[in-house]
Amino acid sequence: MKNMMIKAWTKVMNPVKNEKGAQSLEWLGIAALLILVLGIVSTAVSEQSTGIGSIISKIIEQISQMVGG
């Protein structure tokens, strides 16, 4: 009886412990978020005529003004 209960328990719990699908979805979510951020950044940079260097310097300037530096 005990062996039969153990076999039933393992058959029930084995699909629950399989987390490969959930992990794949997490990686796909991270990849989608990264693609979204890169798309937003590339759109913002493509509209600027001065280039990325001036954008970065403006961001650093605004951050230093926020912290009082």
C-alpha atoms as a PDB file:
ATOM      1  CA  MET A   1       0.000   0.000   0.000  1.00  0.00           C
ATOM      2  CA  LYS A   2       2.826   2.361   0.897  1.00  0.00           C
ATOM      3  CA  ASN A   3       4.584   1.756  -2.439  1.00  0.00           C
ATOM      4  CA  MET A   4       1.376   2.409  -4.332  1.00  0.00           C
ATOM      5  CA  MET A   5       0.895   5.731  -2.481  1.00  0.00           C
ATOM      6  CA  ILE A   6       4.489   6.759  -3.225  1.00  0.00           C
ATOM      7  CA  LYS A   7       4.036   5.974  -6.937  1.00  0.00           C
ATOM      8  CA  ALA A   8       0.788   7.958  -7.038  1.00  0.00           C
ATOM      9  CA  TRP A   9       2.425  10.891  -5.234  1.00  0.00           C
ATOM     10  CA  THR A  10       5.348  10.998  -7.674  1.00  0.00           C
ATOM     11  CA  LYS A  11       3.001  10.847 -10.676  1.00  0.00           C
ATOM     12  CA  VAL A  12       0.986  13.747  -9.298  1.00  0.00           C
ATOM     13  CA  MET A  13       3.940  15.897  -8.227  1.00  0.00           C
ATOM     14  CA  ASN A  14       6.227  15.368 -11.243  1.00  0.00           C
ATOM     15  CA  PRO A  15       4.363  17.772 -13.595  1.00  0.00           C
ATOM     16  CA  VAL A  16       4.161  20.368 -10.813  1.00  0.00           C
ATOM     17  CA  LYS A  17       7.937  20.400 -10.321  1.00  0.00           C
ATOM     18  CA  ASN A  18       8.622  20.892 -14.038  1.00  0.00           C
ATOM     19  CA  GLU A  19       9.460  24.602 -14.295  1.00  0.00           C
ATOM     20  CA  LYS A  20      11.197  24.612 -17.687  1.00  0.00           C
ATOM     21  CA  GLY A  21       8.241  26.268 -19.385  1.00  0.00           C
ATOM     22  CA  ALA A  22       7.971  29.017 -16.790  1.00  0.00           C
ATOM     23  CA  GLN A  23      11.688  29.731 -17.018  1.00  0.00           C
ATOM     24  CA  SER A  24      11.473  29.980 -20.800  1.00  0.00           C
ATOM     25  CA  LEU A  25       8.625  32.481 -20.492  1.00  0.00           C
ATOM     26  CA  GLU A  26      10.690  34.578 -18.088  1.00  0.00           C
ATOM     27  CA  TRP A  27      13.595  34.710 -20.555  1.00  0.00           C
ATOM     28  CA  LEU A  28      11.227  35.613 -23.385  1.00  0.00           C
ATOM     29  CA  GLY A  29       9.787  38.413 -21.249  1.00  0.00           C
ATOM     30  CA  ILE A  30      13.259  39.771 -20.506  1.00  0.00           C
ATOM     31  CA  ALA A  31      14.178  39.606 -24.198  1.00  0.00           C
ATOM     32  CA  ALA A  32      10.960  41.410 -25.168  1.00  0.00           C
ATOM     33  CA  LEU A  33      11.612  44.125 -22.600  1.00  0.00           C
ATOM     34  CA  LEU A  34      15.175  44.576 -23.847  1.00  0.00           C
ATOM     35  CA  ILE A  35      13.980  44.856 -27.452  1.00  0.00           C
ATOM     36  CA  LEU A  36      11.369  47.406 -26.395  1.00  0.00           C
ATOM     37  CA  VAL A  37      13.929  49.543 -24.543  1.00  0.00           C
ATOM     38  CA  LEU A  38      16.377  49.377 -27.449  1.00  0.00           C
ATOM     39  CA  GLY A  39      13.603  50.376 -29.847  1.00  0.00           C
ATOM     40  CA  ILE A  40      12.689  53.383 -27.743  1.00  0.00           C
ATOM     41  CA  VAL A  41      16.321  54.457 -27.428  1.00  0.00           C
ATOM     42  CA  SER A  42      16.984  54.056 -31.156  1.00  0.00           C
ATOM     43  CA  THR A  43      13.876  56.069 -31.984  1.00  0.00           C
ATOM     44  CA  ALA A  44      14.936  58.839 -29.620  1.00  0.00           C
ATOM     45  CA  VAL A  45      18.469  58.900 -31.020  1.00  0.00           C
ATOM     46  CA  SER A  46      17.404  58.815 -34.670  1.00  0.00           C
ATOM     47  CA  GLU A  47      15.381  61.999 -34.222  1.00  0.00           C
ATOM     48  CA  GLN A  48      18.410  63.876 -32.870  1.00  0.00           C
ATOM     49  CA  SER A  49      20.680  65.554 -35.391  1.00  0.00           C
ATOM     50  CA  THR A  50      23.548  66.150 -32.970  1.00  0.00           C
ATOM     51  CA  GLY A  51      24.298  62.537 -32.129  1.00  0.00           C
ATOM     52  CA  ILE A  52      24.389  60.312 -29.102  1.00  0.00           C
ATOM     53  CA  GLY A  53      27.291  62.091 -27.418  1.00  0.00           C
ATOM     54  CA  SER A  54      25.283  65.239 -26.822  1.00  0.00           C
ATOM     55  CA  ILE A  55      22.315  63.210 -25.605  1.00  0.00           C
ATOM     56  CA  ILE A  56      24.464  61.450 -23.017  1.00  0.00           C
ATOM     57  CA  SER A  57      26.036  64.728 -21.908  1.00  0.00           C
ATOM     58  CA  LYS A  58      22.564  66.285 -21.505  1.00  0.00           C
ATOM     59  CA  ILE A  59      21.430  63.315 -19.417  1.00  0.00           C
ATOM     60  CA  ILE A  60      24.513  63.561 -17.201  1.00  0.00           C
ATOM     61  CA  GLU A  61      24.004  67.309 -16.871  1.00  0.00           C
ATOM     62  CA  GLN A  62      20.378  66.876 -15.803  1.00  0.00           C
ATOM     63  CA  ILE A  63      21.277  64.174 -13.287  1.00  0.00           C
ATOM     64  CA  SER A  64      23.996  66.344 -11.777  1.00  0.00           C
ATOM     65  CA  GLN A  65      21.518  69.220 -11.482  1.00  0.00           C
ATOM     66  CA  MET A  66      19.052  66.921  -9.700  1.00  0.00           C
ATOM     67  CA  VAL A  67      21.579  65.819  -7.106  1.00  0.00           C
ATOM     68  CA  GLY A  68      22.839  69.373  -6.639  1.00  0.00           C
ATOM     69  CA  GLY A  69      26.271  68.967  -8.198  1.00  0.00           C
END
